[in-house]
Protein backbone atom coordinates (compact mmCIF):
# COMPACT_ATOMS: atom_id res chain seq x y z
CA MET A 1 -25.52 10.19 -14.40
CA SER A 2 -22.64 12.13 -12.95
CA LEU A 3 -19.63 10.05 -11.84
CA VAL A 4 -20.11 11.84 -8.56
CA SER A 5 -23.55 10.40 -8.21
CA LYS A 6 -22.81 6.58 -9.04
CA LEU A 7 -19.64 6.38 -6.78
CA LYS A 8 -20.72 6.48 -3.27
CA PHE A 9 -17.00 6.56 -0.64
CA LYS A 10 -19.37 7.24 2.40
CA GLY A 11 -19.68 5.15 5.23
CA ARG A 12 -17.62 2.15 2.90
CA ASP A 13 -14.66 -0.02 4.35
CA ILE A 14 -11.27 0.06 2.68
CA VAL A 15 -9.93 -4.02 3.29
CA ALA A 16 -8.98 -5.03 -0.45
CA ILE A 17 -8.25 -3.81 -3.41
CA GLU A 18 -9.88 -6.07 -5.29
CA ASP A 19 -13.62 -4.36 -4.12
CA PHE A 20 -13.26 -1.82 -6.62
CA SER A 21 -13.24 -1.10 -10.17
CA ARG A 22 -10.91 0.82 -12.18
CA GLU A 23 -13.38 3.43 -12.51
CA GLU A 24 -13.63 3.89 -9.01
CA ILE A 25 -9.48 3.80 -8.30
CA ASN A 26 -9.08 6.33 -10.92
CA TYR A 27 -11.43 8.34 -9.33
CA ILE A 28 -9.58 8.08 -5.93
CA LEU A 29 -6.75 9.34 -7.87
CA ASN A 30 -8.28 12.06 -9.36
CA ILE A 31 -9.61 13.06 -5.43
CA SER A 32 -6.15 12.48 -3.99
CA HIS A 33 -4.97 14.65 -6.45
CA SER A 34 -7.16 17.41 -5.14
CA MET A 35 -5.79 16.97 -1.76
CA GLU A 36 -2.45 18.21 -2.92
CA PRO A 37 -2.86 22.08 -1.67
CA PHE A 38 -4.70 20.96 1.97
CA ALA A 39 -1.73 18.68 2.40
CA ALA A 40 0.66 21.52 2.24
CA LYS A 41 -1.40 24.52 3.97
CA GLY A 42 -4.09 22.02 6.07
CA SER A 43 -7.48 22.17 6.54
CA ASP A 44 -10.84 21.82 8.82
CA MET A 45 -12.71 19.42 6.83
CA LEU A 46 -12.57 16.74 9.14
CA LYS A 47 -12.29 18.98 12.32
CA GLY A 48 -14.66 17.38 15.06
CA LYS A 49 -14.21 13.44 13.54
CA ILE A 50 -11.57 10.97 15.03
CA LEU A 51 -9.40 8.25 13.52
CA ALA A 52 -8.59 5.18 15.59
CA SER A 53 -4.78 3.79 14.77
CA LEU A 54 -5.03 0.07 15.90
CA PHE A 55 -1.51 -1.02 15.11
CA PHE A 56 -1.34 -4.57 16.58
CA GLU A 57 2.02 -4.88 15.10
CA PRO A 58 5.16 -2.18 14.36
CA SER A 59 4.59 0.62 12.05
CA THR A 60 6.43 3.35 11.10
CA ARG A 61 5.11 4.82 7.82
CA THR A 62 2.25 3.43 7.99
CA ARG A 63 0.73 4.80 10.86
CA LEU A 64 2.21 8.13 10.81
CA SER A 65 0.94 8.96 7.30
CA PHE A 66 -2.74 8.12 8.42
CA GLU A 67 -2.56 10.15 11.42
CA ALA A 68 -0.87 13.16 9.56
CA ALA A 69 -3.60 12.88 6.81
CA MET A 70 -6.12 12.70 9.36
CA LEU A 71 -4.09 15.92 11.29
CA LYS A 72 -3.74 17.76 7.99
CA LEU A 73 -7.93 17.67 7.10
CA GLY A 74 -8.50 19.29 10.87
CA GLY A 75 -9.51 15.68 12.66
CA SER A 76 -7.71 13.85 15.53
CA THR A 77 -6.57 10.14 16.52
CA ILE A 78 -6.32 8.36 19.24
CA GLY A 79 -5.24 5.22 19.37
CA PHE A 80 -1.65 2.25 19.88
CA ALA A 81 1.23 1.51 18.28
CA GLU A 82 1.93 -2.24 19.81
CA ALA A 83 -0.17 -4.68 21.12
CA GLU A 84 1.63 -4.90 23.84
CA ILE A 85 0.68 -1.68 25.44
CA ALA A 86 -3.27 -2.47 24.62
CA SER A 87 -5.98 -4.67 25.85
CA VAL A 88 -5.33 -7.61 23.95
CA ARG A 89 -2.09 -8.09 26.28
CA LYS A 90 -4.68 -9.34 28.71
CA GLY A 91 -6.64 -11.29 26.14
CA GLU A 92 -9.09 -9.39 24.77
CA ASN A 93 -10.09 -10.35 20.79
CA LEU A 94 -9.86 -8.39 17.91
CA ALA A 95 -13.95 -8.55 17.86
CA ASP A 96 -14.08 -6.93 21.19
CA THR A 97 -12.03 -4.25 20.48
CA ILE A 98 -13.27 -2.66 17.53
CA ARG A 99 -16.83 -3.05 18.70
CA THR A 100 -15.07 -0.75 21.70
CA VAL A 101 -12.87 1.48 19.97
CA GLU A 102 -15.95 1.96 17.46
CA ASN A 103 -17.64 4.23 20.84
CA TYR A 104 -14.74 7.05 20.38
CA ALA A 105 -14.02 7.25 17.38
CA ASP A 106 -15.56 7.75 13.16
CA ILE A 107 -13.08 5.76 11.89
CA ILE A 108 -10.29 2.91 12.51
CA ALA A 109 -7.22 2.23 10.33
CA LEU A 110 -6.23 -1.09 11.33
CA ARG A 111 -2.72 -3.44 11.08
CA HIS A 112 -2.91 -6.61 12.26
CA PRO A 113 -0.35 -9.86 11.77
CA LEU A 114 -3.39 -12.19 10.92
CA GLU A 115 -4.49 -12.76 7.59
CA GLY A 116 -8.28 -11.86 7.32
CA ALA A 117 -8.36 -9.60 10.16
CA ALA A 118 -9.13 -6.23 8.44
CA LYS A 119 -12.30 -8.35 6.88
CA LEU A 120 -13.31 -9.62 10.36
CA ALA A 121 -13.29 -6.04 11.75
CA ALA A 122 -15.23 -4.99 8.90
CA GLU A 123 -17.67 -7.45 9.77
CA PHE A 124 -18.25 -6.30 13.61
CA SER A 125 -17.41 -2.90 13.41
CA LYS A 126 -20.59 0.28 12.81
CA ILE A 127 -17.44 2.26 11.60
CA PRO A 128 -15.78 2.05 8.53
CA ILE A 129 -12.66 0.31 8.90
CA LEU A 130 -9.88 1.40 6.69
CA ASN A 131 -6.81 -1.49 6.61
CA ALA A 132 -3.38 -0.81 6.97
CA GLY A 133 -1.86 -4.17 6.66
CA SER A 134 -3.20 -7.64 7.15
CA GLY A 135 -0.68 -10.16 7.63
CA ALA A 136 1.02 -11.17 4.33
CA GLU A 137 -2.06 -10.58 2.75
CA GLU A 138 -3.20 -7.26 1.51
CA HIS A 139 -2.03 -3.55 2.19
CA PRO A 140 -5.14 -1.55 -0.48
CA THR A 141 -3.72 1.90 1.32
CA GLN A 142 -0.56 1.35 -0.46
CA ALA A 143 -1.26 -0.23 -3.05
CA LEU A 144 -3.56 2.98 -4.01
CA MET A 145 -0.32 5.41 -2.99
CA ASP A 146 1.33 3.29 -5.79
CA LEU A 147 -1.39 3.70 -8.44
CA TYR A 148 -1.50 7.94 -7.51
CA THR A 149 2.99 7.06 -7.68
CA LEU A 150 2.80 6.09 -10.97
CA GLN A 151 0.28 8.27 -12.53
CA LYS A 152 2.08 11.45 -11.01
CA GLU A 153 5.55 10.29 -11.84
CA LYS A 154 4.78 8.86 -15.42
CA GLY A 155 1.46 10.97 -16.61
CA LYS A 156 -0.15 7.65 -16.97
CA ILE A 157 -0.51 3.64 -16.10
CA ASP A 158 -1.74 2.77 -19.05
CA GLY A 159 0.80 1.16 -21.60
CA LEU A 160 3.91 0.91 -18.46
CA LYS A 161 6.05 -1.73 -18.55
CA ILE A 162 6.55 -3.01 -14.70
CA ALA A 163 8.38 -5.12 -12.46
CA LEU A 164 7.98 -5.88 -9.54
CA VAL A 165 11.25 -7.66 -7.85
CA GLY A 166 12.20 -9.46 -4.16
CA ASP A 167 9.48 -11.06 -2.02
CA LEU A 168 6.66 -11.47 -3.81
CA ARG A 169 5.20 -14.61 -1.65
CA TYR A 170 4.84 -13.11 1.98
CA GLY A 171 5.22 -9.04 0.49
CA ARG A 172 1.55 -8.19 1.21
CA THR A 173 2.23 -4.57 -0.85
CA VAL A 174 3.26 -6.49 -4.48
CA HIS A 175 -0.28 -8.40 -4.12
CA SER A 176 -2.69 -5.32 -3.65
CA LEU A 177 -0.44 -3.68 -6.32
CA ALA A 178 -0.63 -6.67 -8.74
CA TYR A 179 -4.60 -6.29 -8.13
CA GLY A 180 -4.92 -2.65 -8.55
CA LEU A 181 -2.67 -3.16 -11.53
CA SER A 182 -4.38 -6.03 -13.06
CA LEU A 183 -7.22 -2.79 -14.34
CA TYR A 184 -5.26 -1.44 -16.45
CA ASN A 185 -3.45 -2.00 -19.46
CA ILE A 186 0.27 -3.00 -18.17
CA GLU A 187 3.07 -5.55 -18.52
CA LEU A 188 3.84 -7.03 -14.76
CA SER A 189 7.45 -8.77 -14.73
CA LEU A 190 7.56 -10.66 -11.58
CA ILE A 191 11.08 -11.12 -10.48
CA SER A 192 11.95 -13.32 -7.42
CA PRO A 193 13.54 -16.55 -5.81
CA GLU A 194 11.21 -19.76 -7.08
CA SER A 195 10.43 -20.11 -2.75
CA LEU A 196 9.46 -16.51 -3.15
CA ARG A 197 7.02 -16.30 -6.31
CA MET A 198 3.95 -14.10 -6.04
CA ARG A 199 1.29 -16.49 -4.42
CA PRO A 200 -1.25 -18.55 -6.86
CA GLU A 201 -3.99 -16.83 -5.56
CA VAL A 202 -2.98 -13.07 -7.42
CA ILE A 203 -2.07 -15.41 -10.21
CA ARG A 204 -4.84 -16.81 -11.00
CA ALA A 205 -7.10 -13.36 -10.11
CA ILE A 206 -4.64 -11.43 -12.52
CA ARG A 207 -3.13 -13.76 -15.27
CA ASN A 208 -6.13 -13.10 -17.97
CA LYS A 209 -5.89 -9.70 -17.63
CA ILE A 210 -3.00 -8.55 -17.81
CA SER A 211 0.88 -9.97 -19.76
CA ILE A 212 3.11 -11.43 -16.94
CA VAL A 213 6.36 -12.71 -16.80
CA GLU A 214 7.84 -14.52 -13.69
CA ASP A 215 11.15 -14.95 -13.64
CA ALA A 216 14.23 -14.96 -11.10
CA ASN A 217 16.82 -12.93 -13.07
CA LEU A 218 16.20 -8.67 -13.12
CA GLU A 219 18.90 -9.27 -15.44
CA LYS A 220 17.17 -10.17 -18.13
CA ILE A 221 14.35 -7.30 -17.99
CA ILE A 222 15.79 -3.85 -16.37
CA SER A 223 16.26 -2.56 -19.70
CA LYS A 224 13.01 -2.88 -21.25
CA ILE A 225 10.70 -1.53 -17.92
CA ASP A 226 9.73 2.06 -17.27
CA VAL A 227 8.98 0.95 -13.29
CA LEU A 228 10.66 -0.99 -11.20
CA TYR A 229 9.26 -1.86 -7.71
CA VAL A 230 11.73 -3.49 -5.26
CA THR A 231 10.59 -4.93 -1.92
CA ARG A 232 12.80 -5.91 1.01
CA ILE A 233 13.21 -9.96 1.90
CA GLN A 234 10.83 -9.86 4.89
CA LYS A 235 12.77 -12.06 7.67
CA GLU A 236 9.82 -11.44 10.09
CA ARG A 237 7.05 -13.26 7.79
CA PHE A 238 9.34 -16.54 7.50
CA PRO A 239 8.15 -19.29 9.43
CA ASP A 240 11.83 -20.85 8.97
CA PRO A 241 14.58 -18.98 9.57
CA ALA A 242 17.17 -21.01 7.36
CA GLU A 243 14.83 -20.40 4.76
CA TYR A 244 15.27 -16.94 4.74
CA ALA A 245 19.11 -16.92 4.89
CA LYS A 246 18.81 -18.88 1.73
CA VAL A 247 17.28 -15.46 -0.06
CA LYS A 248 18.46 -12.76 2.27
CA GLY A 249 20.54 -10.38 -0.36
CA ILE A 250 19.47 -11.57 -3.13
CA TYR A 251 18.38 -8.80 -5.62
CA ARG A 252 20.72 -5.55 -4.81
CA ILE A 253 19.54 -2.48 -6.93
CA ASP A 254 23.14 0.00 -7.35
CA LEU A 255 24.51 2.13 -10.26
CA LYS A 256 26.08 -1.07 -11.86
CA THR A 257 22.10 -2.38 -12.20
CA LEU A 258 21.25 0.88 -13.63
CA LYS A 259 23.83 0.87 -16.18
CA SER A 260 21.69 -0.41 -18.79
CA ALA A 261 18.79 0.77 -17.20
CA LYS A 262 15.86 3.75 -19.06
CA LYS A 263 17.22 6.94 -18.44
CA ASP A 264 13.62 7.78 -17.30
CA LEU A 265 12.90 4.72 -15.29
CA ILE A 266 11.87 5.40 -12.04
CA ILE A 267 12.40 3.28 -9.05
CA LEU A 268 9.95 2.87 -6.00
CA HIS A 269 10.09 0.97 -2.67
CA PRO A 270 7.30 0.51 -0.34
CA LEU A 271 9.91 1.10 2.48
CA PRO A 272 11.51 0.14 4.93
CA ARG A 273 14.09 -0.66 2.77
CA VAL A 274 17.37 -3.07 4.30
CA ASP A 275 20.18 -2.94 1.64
CA GLU A 276 18.49 -4.04 -1.30
CA ILE A 277 18.61 -0.82 -2.71
CA ALA A 278 22.13 1.05 -2.26
CA ALA A 279 22.15 4.58 -0.60
CA GLU A 280 24.15 5.85 -3.97
CA VAL A 281 21.13 5.54 -5.66
CA ASP A 282 18.97 7.58 -3.60
CA SER A 283 20.44 10.65 -5.34
CA THR A 284 19.57 9.07 -8.81
CA PRO A 285 17.04 10.90 -11.01
CA GLN A 286 15.62 7.11 -11.06
CA ALA A 287 14.94 7.44 -7.34
CA ARG A 288 11.04 8.15 -6.24
CA TYR A 289 10.75 6.02 -2.89
CA PHE A 290 11.02 9.55 -0.52
CA GLN A 291 7.94 10.71 -2.72
CA GLN A 292 5.99 7.88 -2.73
CA VAL A 293 5.68 8.59 1.22
CA TRP A 294 4.90 12.30 0.74
CA ASN A 295 2.35 10.60 -1.93
CA GLY A 296 1.04 8.29 1.09
CA ILE A 297 -0.46 11.31 2.77
CA VAL A 298 -1.81 12.88 0.08
CA VAL A 299 -3.74 9.36 -1.05
CA ARG A 300 -4.64 9.10 3.06
CA MET A 301 -6.28 12.33 2.99
CA GLY A 302 -8.18 11.35 -0.52
CA LEU A 303 -10.10 8.36 1.64
CA LEU A 304 -10.30 9.44 4.78
CA ALA A 305 -12.61 12.72 3.13
CA LEU A 306 -13.97 10.53 0.87
CA VAL A 307 -15.13 7.39 3.65
CA LEU A 308 -15.96 10.09 6.05
CA GLY A 309 -17.90 12.15 3.72
CA ALA A 310 -16.46 15.32 3.23
CA VAL A 311 -16.04 15.35 -0.81
CA GLU A 312 -18.13 13.36 -2.42
């Protein structure tokens, strides 16, 4: 049986990275690579299809990335960028919003501040749901673009030594990425202050699959790693402003930090950044976070094409 016939994506929800096998993720990455020419010149493979982007909390990159991906494939987009201008302001619940919008579109990209929102939406929706960020829980399409970036920049994922740095408790991108990385043969360092350590359920899920080291000191491992994945300390996720004040700015990557790093180290960041990566790092060969943005369009093109049945 061929790979294509075994793997079914048409009509599938993209809610959590844990829903996918390594084989499926590799296939998504391969299809995404095939989208590179279409990302540059455009295509009409999704002509007549409509993406509804429902963003109940602020987003720039993810929302525009989904919409750009749909437009580059010849489709169109509708939706809203903040809940204040939607009927939710009038008291409409998420289930009713989904059951209404599914009449207008072929696929929904959903971002919501509550954990479990994407899973709930998928239960009610007759059309596919793409999780564009669900509370502090998961961000599966970000993880897929991160894996794509690793493969593209390093030529592989297996064998890499990777450090996730910063807010590992509230940062949904690192949760999804950790799940995804656990399917590969990698060494993972989790660098954060005690109060922002990786969520226990994530550790439980991955600890027996890959080598994990938890620490608060980036200097200990900076010379050994191949990939430095930096996250901002997310003020909006902290229930207590005083707790945020204690850890604000605790990690800052600058040229001094990189002095002992490998020459072929790559630095990734899901963006937006605040002050955790100095602007002087942008011009170094290690900086790859703006390339990540382009890769996000390519991967979301791949996902849209797969889920809407334009490719198999």
